[in-house]
PDB file of N, CA and C in Angstrom:
ATOM      1  N   MET A   1     147.303  63.077 131.094  1.00  0.00           N
ATOM      2  CA  MET A   1     148.474  63.098 130.246  1.00  0.00           C
ATOM      3  C   MET A   1     149.737  62.849 131.059  1.00  0.00           C
ATOM      4  N   SER A   2     149.920  63.549 132.165  1.00  0.00           N
ATOM      5  CA  SER A   2     151.172  63.470 132.898  1.00  0.00           C
ATOM      6  C   SER A   2     151.321  62.163 133.675  1.00  0.00           C
ATOM      7  N   ARG A   3     150.220  61.497 133.994  1.00  0.00           N
ATOM      8  CA  ARG A   3     150.309  60.268 134.781  1.00  0.00           C
ATOM      9  C   ARG A   3     150.877  59.112 133.974  1.00  0.00           C
ATOM     10  N   PHE A   4     150.538  59.015 132.694  1.00  0.00           N
ATOM     11  CA  PHE A   4     151.026  57.935 131.839  1.00  0.00           C
ATOM     12  C   PHE A   4     151.581  58.527 130.541  1.00  0.00           C
ATOM     13  N   PRO A   5     152.703  59.230 130.624  1.00  0.00           N
ATOM     14  CA  PRO A   5     153.241  59.915 129.437  1.00  0.00           C
ATOM     15  C   PRO A   5     153.568  58.936 128.311  1.00  0.00           C
ATOM     16  N   GLY A   6     153.245  59.347 127.098  1.00  0.00           N
ATOM     17  CA  GLY A   6     153.549  58.550 125.917  1.00  0.00           C
ATOM     18  C   GLY A   6     152.600  57.387 125.691  1.00  0.00           C
ATOM     19  N   GLN A   7     151.561  57.256 126.512  1.00  0.00           N
ATOM     20  CA  GLN A   7     150.599  56.170 126.351  1.00  0.00           C
ATOM     21  C   GLN A   7     149.255  56.719 125.890  1.00  0.00           C
ATOM     22  N   TYR A   8     148.566  55.914 125.100  1.00  0.00           N
ATOM     23  CA  TYR A   8     147.237  56.270 124.616  1.00  0.00           C
ATOM     24  C   TYR A   8     146.184  55.730 125.583  1.00  0.00           C
ATOM     25  N   ASN A   9     145.007  56.347 125.544  1.00  0.00           N
ATOM     26  CA  ASN A   9     143.872  55.851 126.295  1.00  0.00           C
ATOM     27  C   ASN A   9     142.614  56.189 125.521  1.00  0.00           C
ATOM     28  N   TRP A  10     141.710  55.259 125.445  1.00  0.00           N
ATOM     29  CA  TRP A  10     140.450  55.503 124.720  1.00  0.00           C
ATOM     30  C   TRP A  10     139.342  55.934 125.669  1.00  0.00           C
ATOM     31  N   LEU A  11     139.645  56.019 126.956  1.00  0.00           N
ATOM     32  CA  LEU A  11     138.650  56.373 127.962  1.00  0.00           C
ATOM     33  C   LEU A  11     138.707  57.844 128.335  1.00  0.00           C
ATOM     34  N   ILE A  12     137.560  58.382 128.690  1.00  0.00           N
ATOM     35  CA  ILE A  12     137.447  59.713 129.289  1.00  0.00           C
ATOM     36  C   ILE A  12     137.003  59.456 130.718  1.00  0.00           C
ATOM     37  N   GLY A  13     137.638  60.088 131.688  1.00  0.00           N
ATOM     38  CA  GLY A  13     137.185  59.829 133.047  1.00  0.00           C
ATOM     39  C   GLY A  13     138.027  60.478 134.111  1.00  0.00           C
ATOM     40  N   GLY A  14     137.626  60.199 135.326  1.00  0.00           N
ATOM     41  CA  GLY A  14     138.312  60.707 136.502  1.00  0.00           C
ATOM     42  C   GLY A  14     137.556  60.272 137.738  1.00  0.00           C
ATOM     43  N   ALA A  15     138.013  60.725 138.869  1.00  0.00           N
ATOM     44  CA  ALA A  15     137.420  60.311 140.145  1.00  0.00           C
ATOM     45  C   ALA A  15     136.111  61.032 140.427  1.00  0.00           C
ATOM     46  N   ALA A  16     135.209  60.293 141.083  1.00  0.00           N
ATOM     47  CA  ALA A  16     133.962  60.909 141.554  1.00  0.00           C
ATOM     48  C   ALA A  16     134.275  61.737 142.794  1.00  0.00           C
ATOM     49  N   GLU A  17     133.606  62.874 142.910  1.00  0.00           N
ATOM     50  CA  GLU A  17     133.776  63.728 144.080  1.00  0.00           C
ATOM     51  C   GLU A  17     132.860  63.247 145.198  1.00  0.00           C
ATOM     52  N   ALA A  18     133.122  63.661 146.423  1.00  0.00           N
ATOM     53  CA  ALA A  18     132.295  63.267 147.572  1.00  0.00           C
ATOM     54  C   ALA A  18     130.831  63.598 147.296  1.00  0.00           C
ATOM     55  N   GLY A  19     129.957  62.612 147.460  1.00  0.00           N
ATOM     56  CA  GLY A  19     128.524  62.799 147.256  1.00  0.00           C
ATOM     57  C   GLY A  19     128.077  62.732 145.810  1.00  0.00           C
ATOM     58  N   GLU A  20     128.990  62.538 144.884  1.00  0.00           N
ATOM     59  CA  GLU A  20     128.670  62.507 143.447  1.00  0.00           C
ATOM     60  C   GLU A  20     128.485  61.057 143.008  1.00  0.00           C
ATOM     61  N   SER A  21     127.454  60.775 142.227  1.00  0.00           N
ATOM     62  CA  SER A  21     127.234  59.422 141.711  1.00  0.00           C
ATOM     63  C   SER A  21     128.213  59.151 140.568  1.00  0.00           C
ATOM     64  N   TYR A  22     128.349  57.883 140.225  1.00  0.00           N
ATOM     65  CA  TYR A  22     129.200  57.520 139.088  1.00  0.00           C
ATOM     66  C   TYR A  22     128.700  58.204 137.816  1.00  0.00           C
ATOM     67  N   GLU A  23     127.373  58.244 137.624  1.00  0.00           N
ATOM     68  CA  GLU A  23     126.799  58.861 136.428  1.00  0.00           C
ATOM     69  C   GLU A  23     127.094  60.358 136.385  1.00  0.00           C
ATOM     70  N   GLU A  24     126.940  61.026 137.535  1.00  0.00           N
ATOM     71  CA  GLU A  24     127.235  62.462 137.592  1.00  0.00           C
ATOM     72  C   GLU A  24     128.711  62.722 137.298  1.00  0.00           C
ATOM     73  N   ALA A  25     129.586  61.892 137.853  1.00  0.00           N
ATOM     74  CA  ALA A  25     131.022  62.049 137.616  1.00  0.00           C
ATOM     75  C   ALA A  25     131.361  61.829 136.143  1.00  0.00           C
ATOM     76  N   ALA A  26     130.759  60.808 135.532  1.00  0.00           N
ATOM     77  CA  ALA A  26     131.026  60.519 134.120  1.00  0.00           C
ATOM     78  C   ALA A  26     130.592  61.685 133.235  1.00  0.00           C
ATOM     79  N   ALA A  27     129.404  62.228 133.492  1.00  0.00           N
ATOM     80  CA  ALA A  27     128.907  63.360 132.706  1.00  0.00           C
ATOM     81  C   ALA A  27     129.785  64.598 132.917  1.00  0.00           C
ATOM     82  N   ARG A  28     130.213  64.840 134.154  1.00  0.00           N
ATOM     83  CA  ARG A  28     131.070  65.983 134.462  1.00  0.00           C
ATOM     84  C   ARG A  28     132.415  65.850 133.749  1.00  0.00           C
ATOM     85  N   GLU A  29     133.019  64.667 133.823  1.00  0.00           N
ATOM     86  CA  GLU A  29     134.319  64.456 133.172  1.00  0.00           C
ATOM     87  C   GLU A  29     134.212  64.605 131.654  1.00  0.00           C
ATOM     88  N   LEU A  30     133.118  64.152 131.081  1.00  0.00           N
ATOM     89  CA  LEU A  30     132.899  64.299 129.642  1.00  0.00           C
ATOM     90  C   LEU A  30     132.868  65.776 129.265  1.00  0.00           C
ATOM     91  N   THR A  31     132.212  66.577 130.084  1.00  0.00           N
ATOM     92  CA  THR A  31     132.150  68.020 129.839  1.00  0.00           C
ATOM     93  C   THR A  31     133.521  68.665 130.033  1.00  0.00           C
ATOM     94  N   GLU A  32     134.202  68.312 131.139  1.00  0.00           N
ATOM     95  CA  GLU A  32     135.508  68.906 131.425  1.00  0.00           C
ATOM     96  C   GLU A  32     136.551  68.549 130.377  1.00  0.00           C
ATOM     97  N   GLU A  33     136.579  67.303 129.950  1.00  0.00           N
ATOM     98  CA  GLU A  33     137.640  66.849 129.058  1.00  0.00           C
ATOM     99  C   GLU A  33     137.349  67.044 127.574  1.00  0.00           C
ATOM    100  N   LEU A  34     136.062  66.944 127.182  1.00  0.00           N
ATOM    101  CA  LEU A  34     135.721  67.068 125.759  1.00  0.00           C
ATOM    102  C   LEU A  34     134.800  68.235 125.435  1.00  0.00           C
ATOM    103  N   GLY A  35     134.336  68.955 126.453  1.00  0.00           N
ATOM    104  CA  GLY A  35     133.428  70.065 126.198  1.00  0.00           C
ATOM    105  C   GLY A  35     132.066  69.620 125.705  1.00  0.00           C
ATOM    106  N   VAL A  36     131.638  68.417 126.073  1.00  0.00           N
ATOM    107  CA  VAL A  36     130.381  67.839 125.603  1.00  0.00           C
ATOM    108  C   VAL A  36     129.420  67.666 126.771  1.00  0.00           C
ATOM    109  N   ARG A  37     128.185  68.111 126.591  1.00  0.00           N
ATOM    110  CA  ARG A  37     127.129  67.873 127.581  1.00  0.00           C
ATOM    111  C   ARG A  37     126.117  66.931 126.942  1.00  0.00           C
ATOM    112  N   THR A  38     126.090  65.715 127.461  1.00  0.00           N
ATOM    113  CA  THR A  38     125.167  64.709 126.948  1.00  0.00           C
ATOM    114  C   THR A  38     124.914  63.684 128.041  1.00  0.00           C
ATOM    115  N   PRO A  39     123.724  63.099 128.081  1.00  0.00           N
ATOM    116  CA  PRO A  39     123.459  62.081 129.102  1.00  0.00           C
ATOM    117  C   PRO A  39     124.362  60.859 128.908  1.00  0.00           C
ATOM    118  N   VAL A  40     124.725  60.218 130.006  1.00  0.00           N
ATOM    119  CA  VAL A  40     125.514  58.988 129.944  1.00  0.00           C
ATOM    120  C   VAL A  40     124.659  57.840 130.459  1.00  0.00           C
ATOM    121  N   ARG A  41     124.985  56.642 130.013  1.00  0.00           N
ATOM    122  CA  ARG A  41     124.267  55.440 130.444  1.00  0.00           C
ATOM    123  C   ARG A  41     125.247  54.507 131.136  1.00  0.00           C
ATOM    124  N   PHE A  42     124.892  54.094 132.355  1.00  0.00           N
ATOM    125  CA  PHE A  42     125.716  53.151 133.119  1.00  0.00           C
ATOM    126  C   PHE A  42     125.744  51.809 132.406  1.00  0.00           C
ATOM    127  N   VAL A  43     126.936  51.203 132.301  1.00  0.00           N
ATOM    128  CA  VAL A  43     127.076  49.879 131.690  1.00  0.00           C
ATOM    129  C   VAL A  43     127.428  48.848 132.764  1.00  0.00           C
ATOM    130  N   PHE A  44     128.508  49.071 133.510  1.00  0.00           N
ATOM    131  CA  PHE A  44     128.888  48.171 134.601  1.00  0.00           C
ATOM    132  C   PHE A  44     129.946  48.837 135.467  1.00  0.00           C
ATOM    133  N   LYS A  45     130.204  48.217 136.615  1.00  0.00           N
ATOM    134  CA  LYS A  45     131.220  48.685 137.552  1.00  0.00           C
ATOM    135  C   LYS A  45     132.041  47.471 137.972  1.00  0.00           C
ATOM    136  N   PHE A  46     133.357  47.663 138.178  1.00  0.00           N
ATOM    137  CA  PHE A  46     134.195  46.563 138.640  1.00  0.00           C
ATOM    138  C   PHE A  46     135.385  47.106 139.417  1.00  0.00           C
ATOM    139  N   LEU A  47     136.012  46.247 140.199  1.00  0.00           N
ATOM    140  CA  LEU A  47     137.208  46.614 140.935  1.00  0.00           C
ATOM    141  C   LEU A  47     138.395  46.433 139.996  1.00  0.00           C
ATOM    142  N   CYS A  48     138.927  47.538 139.523  1.00  0.00           N
ATOM    143  CA  CYS A  48     140.042  47.540 138.579  1.00  0.00           C
ATOM    144  C   CYS A  48     141.343  47.385 139.374  1.00  0.00           C
ATOM    145  N   ASP A  49     142.228  46.511 138.926  1.00  0.00           N
ATOM    146  CA  ASP A  49     143.505  46.319 139.609  1.00  0.00           C
ATOM    147  C   ASP A  49     144.302  47.619 139.648  1.00  0.00           C
ATOM    148  N   GLY A  50     144.234  48.394 138.578  1.00  0.00           N
ATOM    149  CA  GLY A  50     144.899  49.687 138.518  1.00  0.00           C
ATOM    150  C   GLY A  50     146.410  49.593 138.509  1.00  0.00           C
ATOM    151  N   LEU A  51     147.042  50.439 137.741  1.00  0.00           N
ATOM    152  CA  LEU A  51     148.498  50.462 137.676  1.00  0.00           C
ATOM    153  C   LEU A  51     149.094  51.101 138.923  1.00  0.00           C
ATOM    154  N   ILE A  52     148.354  52.008 139.545  1.00  0.00           N
ATOM    155  CA  ILE A  52     148.850  52.689 140.737  1.00  0.00           C
ATOM    156  C   ILE A  52     148.322  51.993 141.990  1.00  0.00           C
ATOM    157  N   SER A  53     147.022  51.687 142.018  1.00  0.00           N
ATOM    158  CA  SER A  53     146.400  50.948 143.119  1.00  0.00           C
ATOM    159  C   SER A  53     145.012  50.524 142.658  1.00  0.00           C
ATOM    160  N   PRO A  54     144.408  49.546 143.329  1.00  0.00           N
ATOM    161  CA  PRO A  54     143.043  49.133 142.947  1.00  0.00           C
ATOM    162  C   PRO A  54     142.034  50.260 143.183  1.00  0.00           C
ATOM    163  N   TYR A  55     141.014  50.318 142.338  1.00  0.00           N
ATOM    164  CA  TYR A  55     139.953  51.309 142.483  1.00  0.00           C
ATOM    165  C   TYR A  55     138.690  50.799 141.795  1.00  0.00           C
ATOM    166  N   TRP A  56     137.542  51.282 142.257  1.00  0.00           N
ATOM    167  CA  TRP A  56     136.271  50.948 141.615  1.00  0.00           C
ATOM    168  C   TRP A  56     136.128  51.807 140.376  1.00  0.00           C
ATOM    169  N   LEU A  57     135.808  51.169 139.253  1.00  0.00           N
ATOM    170  CA  LEU A  57     135.681  51.879 137.984  1.00  0.00           C
ATOM    171  C   LEU A  57     134.277  51.664 137.442  1.00  0.00           C
ATOM    172  N   GLY A  58     133.539  52.749 137.253  1.00  0.00           N
ATOM    173  CA  GLY A  58     132.217  52.696 136.645  1.00  0.00           C
ATOM    174  C   GLY A  58     132.340  53.002 135.167  1.00  0.00           C
ATOM    175  N   VAL A  59     131.818  52.120 134.341  1.00  0.00           N
ATOM    176  CA  VAL A  59     131.892  52.286 132.879  1.00  0.00           C
ATOM    177  C   VAL A  59     130.537  52.774 132.384  1.00  0.00           C
ATOM    178  N   HIS A  60     130.563  53.837 131.598  1.00  0.00           N
ATOM    179  CA  HIS A  60     129.359  54.444 131.033  1.00  0.00           C
ATOM    180  C   HIS A  60     129.564  54.616 129.538  1.00  0.00           C
ATOM    181  N   GLU A  61     128.482  54.839 128.823  1.00  0.00           N
ATOM    182  CA  GLU A  61     128.582  55.112 127.398  1.00  0.00           C
ATOM    183  C   GLU A  61     127.600  56.210 127.036  1.00  0.00           C
ATOM    184  N   THR A  62     127.861  56.846 125.911  1.00  0.00           N
ATOM    185  CA  THR A  62     126.986  57.894 125.400  1.00  0.00           C
ATOM    186  C   THR A  62     127.197  58.005 123.898  1.00  0.00           C
ATOM    187  N   VAL A  63     126.357  58.770 123.254  1.00  0.00           N
ATOM    188  CA  VAL A  63     126.515  59.089 121.836  1.00  0.00           C
ATOM    189  C   VAL A  63     126.817  60.571 121.757  1.00  0.00           C
ATOM    190  N   VAL A  64     127.891  60.898 121.084  1.00  0.00           N
ATOM    191  CA  VAL A  64     128.271  62.297 120.877  1.00  0.00           C
ATOM    192  C   VAL A  64     127.892  62.645 119.449  1.00  0.00           C
ATOM    193  N   ALA A  65     126.884  63.482 119.309  1.00  0.00           N
ATOM    194  CA  ALA A  65     126.352  63.805 117.985  1.00  0.00           C
ATOM    195  C   ALA A  65     127.012  65.033 117.355  1.00  0.00           C
ATOM    196  N   GLY A  66     127.539  65.922 118.166  1.00  0.00           N
ATOM    197  CA  GLY A  66     128.132  67.145 117.633  1.00  0.00           C
ATOM    198  C   GLY A  66     129.640  67.149 117.759  1.00  0.00           C
ATOM    199  N   GLY A  67     130.191  68.334 117.638  1.00  0.00           N
ATOM    200  CA  GLY A  67     131.630  68.488 117.741  1.00  0.00           C
ATOM    201  C   GLY A  67     132.114  68.405 119.180  1.00  0.00           C
ATOM    202  N   ILE A  68     133.408  68.250 119.325  1.00  0.00           N
ATOM    203  CA  ILE A  68     134.024  68.215 120.639  1.00  0.00           C
ATOM    204  C   ILE A  68     135.081  69.307 120.729  1.00  0.00           C
ATOM    205  N   ALA A  69     135.409  69.697 121.951  1.00  0.00           N
ATOM    206  CA  ALA A  69     136.440  70.705 122.200  1.00  0.00           C
ATOM    207  C   ALA A  69     137.342  70.178 123.315  1.00  0.00           C
ATOM    208  N   PRO A  70     138.277  69.260 122.978  1.00  0.00           N
ATOM    209  CA  PRO A  70     139.122  68.656 124.001  1.00  0.00           C
ATOM    210  C   PRO A  70     139.941  69.692 124.777  1.00  0.00           C
ATOM    211  N   ASP A  71     140.049  69.478 126.078  1.00  0.00           N
ATOM    212  CA  ASP A  71     140.859  70.328 126.947  1.00  0.00           C
ATOM    213  C   ASP A  71     142.320  69.931 126.732  1.00  0.00           C
ATOM    214  N   PRO A  72     143.143  70.836 126.188  1.00  0.00           N
ATOM    215  CA  PRO A  72     144.544  70.479 125.896  1.00  0.00           C
ATOM    216  C   PRO A  72     145.363  70.148 127.140  1.00  0.00           C
ATOM    217  N   SER A  73     144.905  70.561 128.330  1.00  0.00           N
ATOM    218  CA  SER A  73     145.631  70.187 129.542  1.00  0.00           C
ATOM    219  C   SER A  73     145.301  68.752 129.956  1.00  0.00           C
ATOM    220  N   GLU A  74     144.258  68.171 129.373  1.00  0.00           N
ATOM    221  CA  GLU A  74     143.842  66.810 129.678  1.00  0.00           C
ATOM    222  C   GLU A  74     144.126  65.831 128.533  1.00  0.00           C
ATOM    223  N   ILE A  75     144.039  66.330 127.300  1.00  0.00           N
ATOM    224  CA  ILE A  75     144.122  65.455 126.123  1.00  0.00           C
ATOM    225  C   ILE A  75     145.143  66.009 125.139  1.00  0.00           C
ATOM    226  N   ALA A  76     146.192  65.227 124.882  1.00  0.00           N
ATOM    227  CA  ALA A  76     147.261  65.657 123.975  1.00  0.00           C
ATOM    228  C   ALA A  76     146.910  65.391 122.516  1.00  0.00           C
ATOM    229  N   TRP A  77     146.135  64.357 122.245  1.00  0.00           N
ATOM    230  CA  TRP A  77     145.748  63.979 120.889  1.00  0.00           C
ATOM    231  C   TRP A  77     144.395  63.305 120.958  1.00  0.00           C
ATOM    232  N   HIS A  78     143.594  63.490 119.932  1.00  0.00           N
ATOM    233  CA  HIS A  78     142.327  62.770 119.844  1.00  0.00           C
ATOM    234  C   HIS A  78     142.034  62.455 118.394  1.00  0.00           C
ATOM    235  N   GLY A  79     141.233  61.445 118.190  1.00  0.00           N
ATOM    236  CA  GLY A  79     140.799  61.061 116.861  1.00  0.00           C
ATOM    237  C   GLY A  79     139.661  60.056 116.984  1.00  0.00           C
ATOM    238  N   TRP A  80     138.928  59.883 115.901  1.00  0.00           N
ATOM    239  CA  TRP A  80     137.819  58.934 115.878  1.00  0.00           C
ATOM    240  C   TRP A  80     138.298  57.657 115.205  1.00  0.00           C
ATOM    241  N   LEU A  81     138.109  56.528 115.858  1.00  0.00           N
ATOM    242  CA  LEU A  81     138.506  55.231 115.320  1.00  0.00           C
ATOM    243  C   LEU A  81     137.308  54.297 115.329  1.00  0.00           C
ATOM    244  N   THR A  82     137.235  53.433 114.348  1.00  0.00           N
ATOM    245  CA  THR A  82     136.236  52.372 114.392  1.00  0.00           C
ATOM    246  C   THR A  82     136.692  51.353 115.431  1.00  0.00           C
ATOM    247  N   GLU A  83     135.809  50.445 115.804  1.00  0.00           N
ATOM    248  CA  GLU A  83     136.195  49.402 116.758  1.00  0.00           C
ATOM    249  C   GLU A  83     137.368  48.591 116.224  1.00  0.00           C
ATOM    250  N   GLY A  84     137.335  48.248 114.948  1.00  0.00           N
ATOM    251  CA  GLY A  84     138.433  47.487 114.339  1.00  0.00           C
ATOM    252  C   GLY A  84     139.743  48.254 114.350  1.00  0.00           C
ATOM    253  N   GLU A  85     139.681  49.547 114.049  1.00  0.00           N
ATOM    254  CA  GLU A  85     140.890  50.367 114.076  1.00  0.00           C
ATOM    255  C   GLU A  85     141.460  50.468 115.492  1.00  0.00           C
ATOM    256  N   LEU A  86     140.566  50.559 116.496  1.00  0.00           N
ATOM    257  CA  LEU A  86     141.028  50.617 117.877  1.00  0.00           C
ATOM    258  C   LEU A  86     141.697  49.306 118.270  1.00  0.00           C
ATOM    259  N   ARG A  87     141.093  48.185 117.909  1.00  0.00           N
ATOM    260  CA  ARG A  87     141.707  46.880 118.203  1.00  0.00           C
ATOM    261  C   ARG A  87     143.096  46.789 117.557  1.00  0.00           C
ATOM    262  N   GLU A  88     143.200  47.251 116.347  1.00  0.00           N
ATOM    263  CA  GLU A  88     144.483  47.241 115.638  1.00  0.00           C
ATOM    264  C   GLU A  88     145.495  48.149 116.345  1.00  0.00           C
ATOM    265  N   ALA A  89     145.044  49.313 116.798  1.00  0.00           N
ATOM    266  CA  ALA A  89     145.927  50.256 117.495  1.00  0.00           C
ATOM    267  C   ALA A  89     146.469  49.662 118.789  1.00  0.00           C
ATOM    268  N   PHE A  90     145.669  48.818 119.475  1.00  0.00           N
ATOM    269  CA  PHE A  90     146.154  48.176 120.704  1.00  0.00           C
ATOM    270  C   PHE A  90     147.429  47.377 120.435  1.00  0.00           C
ATOM    271  N   GLY A  91     147.541  46.797 119.252  1.00  0.00           N
ATOM    272  CA  GLY A  91     148.721  46.010 118.899  1.00  0.00           C
ATOM    273  C   GLY A  91     149.882  46.839 118.380  1.00  0.00           C
ATOM    274  N   GLN A  92     149.625  48.106 118.047  1.00  0.00           N
ATOM    275  CA  GLN A  92     150.662  48.939 117.436  1.00  0.00           C
ATOM    276  C   GLN A  92     151.162  50.061 118.330  1.00  0.00           C
ATOM    277  N   ARG A  93     150.367  50.459 119.304  1.00  0.00           N
ATOM    278  CA  ARG A  93     150.711  51.589 120.166  1.00  0.00           C
ATOM    279  C   ARG A  93     150.658  51.148 121.628  1.00  0.00           C
ATOM    280  N   THR A  94     151.257  51.937 122.486  1.00  0.00           N
ATOM    281  CA  THR A  94     151.234  51.638 123.911  1.00  0.00           C
ATOM    282  C   THR A  94     150.037  52.330 124.541  1.00  0.00           C
ATOM    283  N   PHE A  95     149.121  51.527 125.089  1.00  0.00           N
ATOM    284  CA  PHE A  95     147.913  52.033 125.734  1.00  0.00           C
ATOM    285  C   PHE A  95     148.008  51.830 127.243  1.00  0.00           C
ATOM    286  N   VAL A  96     147.350  52.713 127.995  1.00  0.00           N
ATOM    287  CA  VAL A  96     147.230  52.543 129.440  1.00  0.00           C
ATOM    288  C   VAL A  96     146.536  51.203 129.671  1.00  0.00           C
ATOM    289  N   GLU A  97     147.145  50.346 130.496  1.00  0.00           N
ATOM    290  CA  GLU A  97     146.627  48.985 130.697  1.00  0.00           C
ATOM    291  C   GLU A  97     145.192  48.953 131.216  1.00  0.00           C
ATOM    292  N   ASP A  98     144.833  49.904 132.090  1.00  0.00           N
ATOM    293  CA  ASP A  98     143.468  49.934 132.618  1.00  0.00           C
ATOM    294  C   ASP A  98     142.455  50.081 131.485  1.00  0.00           C
ATOM    295  N   GLY A  99     142.763  50.904 130.499  1.00  0.00           N
ATOM    296  CA  GLY A  99     141.869  51.116 129.368  1.00  0.00           C
ATOM    297  C   GLY A  99     141.717  49.871 128.513  1.00  0.00           C
ATOM    298  N   VAL A 100     142.800  49.132 128.333  1.00  0.00           N
ATOM    299  CA  VAL A 100     142.734  47.880 127.566  1.00  0.00           C
ATOM    300  C   VAL A 100     141.858  46.878 128.313  1.00  0.00           C
ATOM    301  N   ASP A 101     141.994  46.820 129.636  1.00  0.00           N
ATOM    302  CA  ASP A 101     141.163  45.933 130.452  1.00  0.00           C
ATOM    303  C   ASP A 101     139.684  46.303 130.323  1.00  0.00           C
ATOM    304  N   VAL A 102     139.378  47.603 130.383  1.00  0.00           N
ATOM    305  CA  VAL A 102     137.984  48.046 130.253  1.00  0.00           C
ATOM    306  C   VAL A 102     137.433  47.679 128.883  1.00  0.00           C
ATOM    307  N   PHE A 103     138.208  47.849 127.830  1.00  0.00           N
ATOM    308  CA  PHE A 103     137.761  47.498 126.479  1.00  0.00           C
ATOM    309  C   PHE A 103     137.389  46.020 126.412  1.00  0.00           C
ATOM    310  N   ARG A 104     138.227  45.150 126.957  1.00  0.00           N
ATOM    311  CA  ARG A 104     137.955  43.711 126.958  1.00  0.00           C
ATOM    312  C   ARG A 104     136.677  43.409 127.737  1.00  0.00           C
ATOM    313  N   ARG A 105     136.540  43.982 128.925  1.00  0.00           N
ATOM    314  CA  ARG A 105     135.363  43.748 129.751  1.00  0.00           C
ATOM    315  C   ARG A 105     134.100  44.308 129.101  1.00  0.00           C
ATOM    316  N   TYR A 106     134.213  45.466 128.476  1.00  0.00           N
ATOM    317  CA  TYR A 106     133.060  46.081 127.816  1.00  0.00           C
ATOM    318  C   TYR A 106     132.521  45.173 126.719  1.00  0.00           C
ATOM    319  N   HIS A 107     133.404  44.575 125.950  1.00  0.00           N
ATOM    320  CA  HIS A 107     132.954  43.717 124.860  1.00  0.00           C
ATOM    321  C   HIS A 107     132.453  42.366 125.356  1.00  0.00           C
ATOM    322  N   LEU A 108     132.908  41.921 126.511  1.00  0.00           N
ATOM    323  CA  LEU A 108     132.340  40.717 127.117  1.00  0.00           C
ATOM    324  C   LEU A 108     130.954  41.004 127.685  1.00  0.00           C
ATOM    325  N   ALA A 109     130.764  42.230 128.172  1.00  0.00           N
ATOM    326  CA  ALA A 109     129.501  42.606 128.819  1.00  0.00           C
ATOM    327  C   ALA A 109     128.430  43.030 127.830  1.00  0.00           C
ATOM    328  N   ARG A 110     128.823  43.454 126.649  1.00  0.00           N
ATOM    329  CA  ARG A 110     127.868  43.992 125.684  1.00  0.00           C
ATOM    330  C   ARG A 110     126.909  42.909 125.208  1.00  0.00           C
ATOM    331  N   PRO A 111     125.607  43.200 125.214  1.00  0.00           N
ATOM    332  CA  PRO A 111     124.652  42.186 124.757  1.00  0.00           C
ATOM    333  C   PRO A 111     124.805  41.926 123.261  1.00  0.00           C
ATOM    334  N   VAL A 112     124.557  40.696 122.880  1.00  0.00           N
ATOM    335  CA  VAL A 112     124.630  40.311 121.478  1.00  0.00           C
ATOM    336  C   VAL A 112     123.304  40.670 120.817  1.00  0.00           C
ATOM    337  N   PRO A 113     123.332  41.441 119.710  1.00  0.00           N
ATOM    338  CA  PRO A 113     122.074  41.799 119.039  1.00  0.00           C
ATOM    339  C   PRO A 113     121.276  40.554 118.657  1.00  0.00           C
ATOM    340  N   GLY A 114     119.985  40.610 118.908  1.00  0.00           N
ATOM    341  CA  GLY A 114     119.104  39.502 118.542  1.00  0.00           C
ATOM    342  C   GLY A 114     118.952  38.455 119.623  1.00  0.00           C
ATOM    343  N   GLN A 115     119.750  38.545 120.705  1.00  0.00           N
ATOM    344  CA  GLN A 115     119.610  37.593 121.799  1.00  0.00           C
ATOM    345  C   GLN A 115     118.841  38.254 122.923  1.00  0.00           C
ATOM    346  N   SER A 116     117.625  37.806 123.133  1.00  0.00           N
ATOM    347  CA  SER A 116     116.841  38.398 124.208  1.00  0.00           C
ATOM    348  C   SER A 116     117.226  37.765 125.541  1.00  0.00           C
ATOM    349  N   GLY A 117     117.082  38.533 126.598  1.00  0.00           N
ATOM    350  CA  GLY A 117     117.328  38.008 127.927  1.00  0.00           C
ATOM    351  C   GLY A 117     118.778  38.007 128.361  1.00  0.00           C
ATOM    352  N   ARG A 118     119.717  38.379 127.507  1.00  0.00           N
ATOM    353  CA  ARG A 118     121.120  38.404 127.905  1.00  0.00           C
ATOM    354  C   ARG A 118     121.339  39.526 128.898  1.00  0.00           C
ATOM    355  N   GLN A 119     122.035  39.257 129.958  1.00  0.00           N
ATOM    356  CA  GLN A 119     122.286  40.222 131.001  1.00  0.00           C
ATOM    357  C   GLN A 119     123.668  40.834 130.819  1.00  0.00           C
ATOM    358  N   TRP A 120     123.803  42.081 131.274  1.00  0.00           N
ATOM    359  CA  TRP A 120     125.128  42.711 131.330  1.00  0.00           C
ATOM    360  C   TRP A 120     125.897  42.042 132.448  1.00  0.00           C
ATOM    361  N   SER A 121     127.156  41.797 132.244  1.00  0.00           N
ATOM    362  CA  SER A 121     128.002  41.261 133.303  1.00  0.00           C
ATOM    363  C   SER A 121     129.367  41.910 133.207  1.00  0.00           C
ATOM    364  N   SER A 122     130.150  41.770 134.235  1.00  0.00           N
ATOM    365  CA  SER A 122     131.494  42.364 134.224  1.00  0.00           C
ATOM    366  C   SER A 122     132.545  41.295 134.475  1.00  0.00           C
ATOM    367  N   LYS A 123     132.357  40.146 133.903  1.00  0.00           N
ATOM    368  CA  LYS A 123     133.312  39.043 134.083  1.00  0.00           C
ATOM    369  C   LYS A 123     134.568  39.294 133.296  1.00  0.00           C
TER     370      LYS A 123
END
């Protein structure tokens, strides 16, 4: 919240600790920020330009089936949006640029249903 005041972000995350894998860090951050314990699945990793400095960013996904309990020291507002609503919000609200970049890359990397053999990429 304090790093990018007044900006929205659709990502949950933070830095991996020494000796911690990207998957372990993603699961830990999900628990710390949303109070959710659920397995995460690695999607891709890329060198993010970053607003502060470049950093390696591992992107993971999961399904949250139950309720969440956001940490108010980490999350000022939360809500559930469809993909279309999120795309629309990008044009109406100010989002952290790194998150917008991840959204674009995630949709380029996502396999197309019905196409066999398509590989994940982070182009």
